[in-house]
Amino acid sequence: SQFIGVYGYEVAQMTQDNANLLISYYSMGSLACVAVTSIVATKIRPVYLVLVYTFMSFVTITLMWLLPTPAIMMIGAAFIGFFAAGGVLQLGLTVMGEMFPAGKGTITGIFYTFGSIASFVIPITAAAIAKNNVQGIMLFDAIIAGIGFILAIIIFIRYRQTIDLTK
């Protein structure tokens, strides 16, 4: 999200004003997701939402990398806000808590420790990439999103093997 305006301006050839709006679209998507997820999560198991959200994040970021047009950037920014920043972290923690009920405190600590490490390392890596190739930032994001989706699939499979879905 930190480089989305730069990416819009330099890669998608957006005006500076429109590129600066991308973070607003991202924020609106994130807020919309919180509202939608708070309703939907009462009817659908969080593990399904994690799977859908990570898949949609991967697809959206990949499209923003492959087809960096102003329209795709505006829609993509909102989608990324929705699917990647609107609560998937909390949904993931909920799923992990279901899978490891005896160690919720430990799981929470591990979960947020890795999240904190990512919050530190990812922006530094993105800044290093941006020095040479701004478009490479989105490729890097797509790779991270792809890894996230693969992990979500693995967790989904394991979840279905360990959790009684009839409850």
C-alpha atoms as a PDB file:
ATOM      1  CA  SER A   1       0.000   0.000   0.000  1.00  0.00           C
ATOM      2  CA  GLN A   2       2.899   2.385   0.664  1.00  0.00           C
ATOM      3  CA  PHE A   3       3.995   2.392  -2.970  1.00  0.00           C
ATOM      4  CA  ILE A   4       0.612   2.196  -4.670  1.00  0.00           C
ATOM      5  CA  GLY A   5       0.580   5.915  -5.509  1.00  0.00           C
ATOM      6  CA  VAL A   6       4.116   5.797  -6.887  1.00  0.00           C
ATOM      7  CA  TYR A   7       3.216   2.696  -8.898  1.00  0.00           C
ATOM      8  CA  GLY A   8       0.090   4.380 -10.274  1.00  0.00           C
ATOM      9  CA  TYR A   9       2.029   7.471 -11.284  1.00  0.00           C
ATOM     10  CA  GLU A  10       5.185   5.878 -12.679  1.00  0.00           C
ATOM     11  CA  VAL A  11       3.913   2.594 -14.106  1.00  0.00           C
ATOM     12  CA  ALA A  12       0.218   3.117 -14.868  1.00  0.00           C
ATOM     13  CA  GLN A  13       0.895   6.665 -16.129  1.00  0.00           C
ATOM     14  CA  MET A  14      -1.794   8.180 -13.899  1.00  0.00           C
ATOM     15  CA  THR A  15      -1.786  11.867 -13.089  1.00  0.00           C
ATOM     16  CA  GLN A  16      -0.208  12.645  -9.725  1.00  0.00           C
ATOM     17  CA  ASP A  17      -3.614  13.610  -8.284  1.00  0.00           C
ATOM     18  CA  ASN A  18      -5.276  10.384  -9.440  1.00  0.00           C
ATOM     19  CA  ALA A  19      -2.328   8.281  -8.284  1.00  0.00           C
ATOM     20  CA  ASN A  20      -2.576   9.899  -4.855  1.00  0.00           C
ATOM     21  CA  LEU A  21      -6.248   8.880  -4.721  1.00  0.00           C
ATOM     22  CA  LEU A  22      -5.293   5.205  -4.906  1.00  0.00           C
ATOM     23  CA  ILE A  23      -4.569   5.087  -1.177  1.00  0.00           C
ATOM     24  CA  SER A  24      -8.080   6.463  -0.570  1.00  0.00           C
ATOM     25  CA  TYR A  25      -9.592   3.689  -2.701  1.00  0.00           C
ATOM     26  CA  TYR A  26      -7.467   1.212  -0.751  1.00  0.00           C
ATOM     27  CA  SER A  27      -8.733   2.625   2.549  1.00  0.00           C
ATOM     28  CA  MET A  28     -12.359   2.577   1.388  1.00  0.00           C
ATOM     29  CA  GLY A  29     -11.984  -1.063   0.362  1.00  0.00           C
ATOM     30  CA  SER A  30     -10.541  -1.895   3.755  1.00  0.00           C
ATOM     31  CA  LEU A  31     -13.388  -0.190   5.608  1.00  0.00           C
ATOM     32  CA  ALA A  32     -15.987  -1.859   3.391  1.00  0.00           C
ATOM     33  CA  CYS A  33     -14.439  -5.252   4.111  1.00  0.00           C
ATOM     34  CA  VAL A  34     -14.636  -4.757   7.863  1.00  0.00           C
ATOM     35  CA  ALA A  35     -18.363  -4.036   7.565  1.00  0.00           C
ATOM     36  CA  VAL A  36     -19.061  -6.890   5.138  1.00  0.00           C
ATOM     37  CA  THR A  37     -16.908  -9.418   6.987  1.00  0.00           C
ATOM     38  CA  SER A  38     -18.536  -8.639  10.330  1.00  0.00           C
ATOM     39  CA  ILE A  39     -21.843  -9.742   8.805  1.00  0.00           C
ATOM     40  CA  VAL A  40     -20.641 -12.563   6.541  1.00  0.00           C
ATOM     41  CA  ALA A  41     -18.366 -14.168   9.167  1.00  0.00           C
ATOM     42  CA  THR A  42     -21.415 -14.984  11.289  1.00  0.00           C
ATOM     43  CA  LYS A  43     -22.754 -17.186   8.478  1.00  0.00           C
ATOM     44  CA  ILE A  44     -19.579 -18.544   6.836  1.00  0.00           C
ATOM     45  CA  ARG A  45     -16.610 -20.150   8.553  1.00  0.00           C
ATOM     46  CA  PRO A  46     -13.591 -17.822   8.593  1.00  0.00           C
ATOM     47  CA  VAL A  47     -11.406 -20.455   6.883  1.00  0.00           C
ATOM     48  CA  TYR A  48     -13.506 -20.088   3.720  1.00  0.00           C
ATOM     49  CA  LEU A  49     -13.152 -16.307   3.827  1.00  0.00           C
ATOM     50  CA  VAL A  50      -9.378 -16.576   4.249  1.00  0.00           C
ATOM     51  CA  LEU A  51      -9.236 -18.794   1.167  1.00  0.00           C
ATOM     52  CA  VAL A  52     -11.367 -16.414  -0.927  1.00  0.00           C
ATOM     53  CA  TYR A  53      -9.650 -13.257   0.327  1.00  0.00           C
ATOM     54  CA  THR A  54      -6.134 -14.546  -0.325  1.00  0.00           C
ATOM     55  CA  PHE A  55      -7.123 -15.797  -3.782  1.00  0.00           C
ATOM     56  CA  MET A  56      -8.708 -12.473  -4.715  1.00  0.00           C
ATOM     57  CA  SER A  57      -5.674 -10.579  -3.399  1.00  0.00           C
ATOM     58  CA  PHE A  58      -3.378 -12.701  -5.549  1.00  0.00           C
ATOM     59  CA  VAL A  59      -5.523 -12.282  -8.678  1.00  0.00           C
ATOM     60  CA  THR A  60      -5.933  -8.534  -8.174  1.00  0.00           C
ATOM     61  CA  ILE A  61      -2.253  -7.830  -7.535  1.00  0.00           C
ATOM     62  CA  THR A  62      -1.274  -9.995 -10.496  1.00  0.00           C
ATOM     63  CA  LEU A  63      -3.642  -8.033 -12.754  1.00  0.00           C
ATOM     64  CA  MET A  64      -2.240  -4.755 -11.441  1.00  0.00           C
ATOM     65  CA  TRP A  65       1.237  -6.004 -12.318  1.00  0.00           C
ATOM     66  CA  LEU A  66       0.348  -7.392 -15.765  1.00  0.00           C
ATOM     67  CA  LEU A  67      -2.116  -4.685 -16.859  1.00  0.00           C
ATOM     68  CA  PRO A  68      -1.215  -1.448 -15.061  1.00  0.00           C
ATOM     69  CA  THR A  69      -3.885   0.848 -16.493  1.00  0.00           C
ATOM     70  CA  PRO A  70      -5.512   3.677 -14.526  1.00  0.00           C
ATOM     71  CA  ALA A  71      -8.861   1.838 -14.404  1.00  0.00           C
ATOM     72  CA  ILE A  72      -7.308  -1.399 -13.168  1.00  0.00           C
ATOM     73  CA  MET A  73      -5.280   0.537 -10.617  1.00  0.00           C
ATOM     74  CA  MET A  74      -8.356   2.295  -9.193  1.00  0.00           C
ATOM     75  CA  ILE A  75     -10.445  -0.879  -9.001  1.00  0.00           C
ATOM     76  CA  GLY A  76      -7.446  -2.910  -7.879  1.00  0.00           C
ATOM     77  CA  ALA A  77      -6.597  -0.508  -5.062  1.00  0.00           C
ATOM     78  CA  ALA A  78     -10.121  -0.873  -3.660  1.00  0.00           C
ATOM     79  CA  PHE A  79     -10.014  -4.658  -4.085  1.00  0.00           C
ATOM     80  CA  ILE A  80      -6.627  -4.919  -2.385  1.00  0.00           C
ATOM     81  CA  GLY A  81      -7.915  -2.789   0.471  1.00  0.00           C
ATOM     82  CA  PHE A  82     -10.915  -5.092   0.748  1.00  0.00           C
ATOM     83  CA  PHE A  83      -9.274  -8.474   0.359  1.00  0.00           C
ATOM     84  CA  ALA A  84      -5.793  -7.912   1.797  1.00  0.00           C
ATOM     85  CA  ALA A  85      -6.229  -5.199   4.407  1.00  0.00           C
ATOM     86  CA  GLY A  86      -9.812  -5.478   5.577  1.00  0.00           C
ATOM     87  CA  GLY A  87      -9.483  -8.183   8.169  1.00  0.00           C
ATOM     88  CA  VAL A  88      -7.825 -11.234   6.645  1.00  0.00           C
ATOM     89  CA  LEU A  89      -5.190 -11.115   9.405  1.00  0.00           C
ATOM     90  CA  GLN A  90      -7.875 -11.328  12.092  1.00  0.00           C
ATOM     91  CA  LEU A  91      -9.684 -14.072  10.170  1.00  0.00           C
ATOM     92  CA  GLY A  92      -6.432 -16.008   9.952  1.00  0.00           C
ATOM     93  CA  LEU A  93      -5.940 -15.679  13.692  1.00  0.00           C
ATOM     94  CA  THR A  94      -9.489 -16.934  14.267  1.00  0.00           C
ATOM     95  CA  VAL A  95      -8.796 -19.982  12.097  1.00  0.00           C
ATOM     96  CA  MET A  96      -5.543 -20.702  13.926  1.00  0.00           C
ATOM     97  CA  GLY A  97      -7.380 -20.384  17.250  1.00  0.00           C
ATOM     98  CA  GLU A  98      -9.916 -22.970  16.081  1.00  0.00           C
ATOM     99  CA  MET A  99      -7.184 -25.332  14.962  1.00  0.00           C
ATOM    100  CA  PHE A 100      -5.107 -24.962  18.144  1.00  0.00           C
ATOM    101  CA  PRO A 101      -7.607 -24.224  20.937  1.00  0.00           C
ATOM    102  CA  ALA A 102      -5.269 -25.330  23.747  1.00  0.00           C
ATOM    103  CA  GLY A 103      -2.533 -22.925  22.701  1.00  0.00           C
ATOM    104  CA  LYS A 104      -4.427 -19.779  21.699  1.00  0.00           C
ATOM    105  CA  GLY A 105      -2.051 -17.469  23.554  1.00  0.00           C
ATOM    106  CA  THR A 106       1.011 -19.065  21.999  1.00  0.00           C
ATOM    107  CA  ILE A 107      -0.579 -19.058  18.542  1.00  0.00           C
ATOM    108  CA  THR A 108      -1.536 -15.394  18.914  1.00  0.00           C
ATOM    109  CA  GLY A 109       2.020 -14.511  19.943  1.00  0.00           C
ATOM    110  CA  ILE A 110       3.584 -16.421  17.061  1.00  0.00           C
ATOM    111  CA  PHE A 111       1.032 -15.068  14.589  1.00  0.00           C
ATOM    112  CA  TYR A 112       1.612 -11.434  15.509  1.00  0.00           C
ATOM    113  CA  THR A 113       5.382 -11.871  15.802  1.00  0.00           C
ATOM    114  CA  PHE A 114       5.553 -13.020  12.193  1.00  0.00           C
ATOM    115  CA  GLY A 115       3.155 -10.222  11.208  1.00  0.00           C
ATOM    116  CA  SER A 116       5.442  -7.693  12.889  1.00  0.00           C
ATOM    117  CA  ILE A 117       8.489  -9.103  11.145  1.00  0.00           C
ATOM    118  CA  ALA A 118       6.668  -8.827   7.818  1.00  0.00           C
ATOM    119  CA  SER A 119       5.603  -5.246   8.620  1.00  0.00           C
ATOM    120  CA  PHE A 120       9.277  -4.393   9.032  1.00  0.00           C
ATOM    121  CA  VAL A 121      10.876  -6.469   6.255  1.00  0.00           C
ATOM    122  CA  ILE A 122       8.356  -6.051   3.418  1.00  0.00           C
ATOM    123  CA  PRO A 123       8.526  -2.215   3.197  1.00  0.00           C
ATOM    124  CA  ILE A 124      12.337  -2.294   3.318  1.00  0.00           C
ATOM    125  CA  THR A 125      12.388  -4.886   0.541  1.00  0.00           C
ATOM    126  CA  ALA A 126       9.837  -2.935  -1.507  1.00  0.00           C
ATOM    127  CA  ALA A 127      11.889   0.260  -1.132  1.00  0.00           C
ATOM    128  CA  ALA A 128      14.998  -1.564  -2.344  1.00  0.00           C
ATOM    129  CA  ILE A 129      13.077  -2.896  -5.349  1.00  0.00           C
ATOM    130  CA  ALA A 130      11.645   0.563  -6.096  1.00  0.00           C
ATOM    131  CA  LYS A 131      15.131   2.036  -6.472  1.00  0.00           C
ATOM    132  CA  ASN A 132      15.694  -0.063  -9.587  1.00  0.00           C
ATOM    133  CA  ASN A 133      12.275  -1.048 -10.877  1.00  0.00           C
ATOM    134  CA  VAL A 134       8.985   0.345  -9.593  1.00  0.00           C
ATOM    135  CA  GLN A 135       7.026  -2.280 -11.538  1.00  0.00           C
ATOM    136  CA  GLY A 136       8.981  -4.928  -9.653  1.00  0.00           C
ATOM    137  CA  ILE A 137       7.181  -3.888  -6.466  1.00  0.00           C
ATOM    138  CA  MET A 138       3.909  -5.262  -7.802  1.00  0.00           C
ATOM    139  CA  LEU A 139       5.601  -8.466  -8.941  1.00  0.00           C
ATOM    140  CA  PHE A 140       7.041  -8.834  -5.441  1.00  0.00           C
ATOM    141  CA  ASP A 141       3.560  -8.241  -3.978  1.00  0.00           C
ATOM    142  CA  ALA A 142       2.077 -10.808  -6.378  1.00  0.00           C
ATOM    143  CA  ILE A 143       4.652 -13.382  -5.283  1.00  0.00           C
ATOM    144  CA  ILE A 144       3.900 -12.711  -1.607  1.00  0.00           C
ATOM    145  CA  ALA A 145       0.145 -12.920  -2.306  1.00  0.00           C
ATOM    146  CA  GLY A 146       0.658 -16.176  -4.216  1.00  0.00           C
ATOM    147  CA  ILE A 147       2.577 -17.649  -1.291  1.00  0.00           C
ATOM    148  CA  GLY A 148      -0.214 -16.480   1.011  1.00  0.00           C
ATOM    149  CA  PHE A 149      -2.818 -18.205  -1.145  1.00  0.00           C
ATOM    150  CA  ILE A 150      -0.823 -21.446  -1.251  1.00  0.00           C
ATOM    151  CA  LEU A 151      -0.522 -21.356   2.541  1.00  0.00           C
ATOM    152  CA  ALA A 152      -4.276 -20.667   2.786  1.00  0.00           C
ATOM    153  CA  ILE A 153      -4.943 -23.782   0.683  1.00  0.00           C
ATOM    154  CA  ILE A 154      -2.705 -25.879   2.940  1.00  0.00           C
ATOM    155  CA  ILE A 155      -4.403 -24.506   6.056  1.00  0.00           C
ATOM    156  CA  PHE A 156      -7.833 -25.081   4.481  1.00  0.00           C
ATOM    157  CA  ILE A 157      -7.014 -28.732   3.744  1.00  0.00           C
ATOM    158  CA  ARG A 158      -5.638 -29.269   7.236  1.00  0.00           C
ATOM    159  CA  TYR A 159      -8.610 -27.455   8.771  1.00  0.00           C
ATOM    160  CA  ARG A 160     -11.058 -29.765   7.005  1.00  0.00           C
ATOM    161  CA  GLN A 161      -9.112 -32.761   8.334  1.00  0.00           C
ATOM    162  CA  THR A 162      -9.058 -31.610  11.952  1.00  0.00           C
ATOM    163  CA  ILE A 163     -12.198 -29.549  12.590  1.00  0.00           C
ATOM    164  CA  ASP A 164     -15.697 -31.012  12.863  1.00  0.00           C
ATOM    165  CA  LEU A 165     -17.573 -29.068  10.177  1.00  0.00           C
ATOM    166  CA  THR A 166     -20.995 -30.342  11.292  1.00  0.00           C
ATOM    167  CA  LYS A 167     -21.047 -27.997  14.297  1.00  0.00           C
END
